[in-house]
Amino acid sequence: MKTNSDTVLTFSKTVPQRSVGRRNVSNRRNDVLGSTLKYLSLVLGCAVVLLPLLVIFLASFKTEQEFYKSPVFSLPSNFLNLQNFSEAFTGGLMLQGFTNTAIILVFSCGGTILIGSMTAYVLSRFNFRINAVVSGLFLLAALIPGVSTQVATFQIVSGLGLFNKIGSNIILNMGTDVISVYIFLQFLNGIPRELDEAALIDGASFFDVYWRVILPLLMPAIATVLIIKGVAIYNDFYTPFLYMPGKGLGTISTSLFRFIGPFNAHWQVICAGVVITIIPTLVIFLFLQKYIYNGLTQGAVK
C-alpha cells in the first residue's frame, strides 16, 4: 500500500519529466521553424539574383519583335539565333573593349598592390611623428564620397593632358584606393617584427626587407585586393565614360552603351553583350573559386 510520501515523490518525478519533454518538443519546433526561414531566405536571395540573369539570357536569343511582344519569361523561338551576339561583339567593338579593360586591369591592380603595400609597410614599421596624422588622413579620404571631388579631379586630369587617354583611368584607379592600404596594414600588423630585424641584421636594406620578406607574406592580402579591385574596375562605367569618351578607348562596360540611342535602345543586343561580358568572369570564378574564397575569408578575418 502506497503512503502519502510515496505519492508525492512519484508526482514530483513525473512533473519534471513532462516539462522536459515539452521543452524538447518546443526546441524542435523552433529548430524546424528556424531552418525553414533560413532556407526560404536563401531561396529568395537566389531568386532575386538569378531571375534577372535568366531574363537577360532568354532575351539575348530573341529577335527585336519577340523581345517587345512576348512575355518576359517566354522562351525564344530559336536558341540558335546568334545574330544578337554577332552584332554586339562587332558593333559594340567588344574585342577592343576587352583589350582596353585588360590593360587597365593589369596596370591598375599592379600599381595598387605596389603603392598600397609600400604605404602600409611604412605606416606599420616606421614610427614617426605624423604617423597617426597620415593614417587619419587616409581614413578621412575613404569617408569622402568620390562624386563630390569629381570637378577638381577632372580639372587635374585635363591639366595633366590625360583626358581622353587610357592613362587617366589607370592613374585614378591607383591613386584613389584607400581600402587596399588598410587591408595591407591589417595583414602587416600580424607579421612579427622579428623577421624584419633578422633581415636587417643580415645586412638587408629596408627595400630588401619589403621585397623579399614582407611582400611574399602578403600573398593572401594581395589576393583579397586583386578580387576587390579587379571586380570594381571590370564593372566600372563612370570613370571610363567620363575620362575616355573616345571611340577607340571604350572599355567592356561602355561598349554596350553604343546600342542606346536618343530615341530607341536595342535591348536584345544589349542583353547579348551582357552575356558576353559575364562569360570571362564566370570562367575565372569556376577555375579560381578556391583561391577567391580563401582570399576573401582571410581578408575578412584580418
Foldseek 3Di string as FASTA:
>chain_A
DDDPVVVVVVVVVVVVVVVVVVVVVVVVVVVVVVVVVVVVVVVVVCCVVVVVLQLLLQLLQADLVCCVPPDSNDHHPDPPRCPLLVCLCVVLVAVLQAVLLVVLLVLQLVLQLVVLLVVLCCLQPDDDDCSVVVVVVLVVLVPDDPVVCVVVLVVVCVVVVNFQHSVSSSVCSNPSDSVLNVLSNVQVVVDDCVQVVVVVVVPDDPVCCCPVPVVVSCVLSSLLSSVVSSVCSLQDDPVCVGRNVDSSNHHLNCSLVVQDDPPDGSSSSSSSSVVVSVVVVVVCCVVCVVSNVSSVVVSVVD
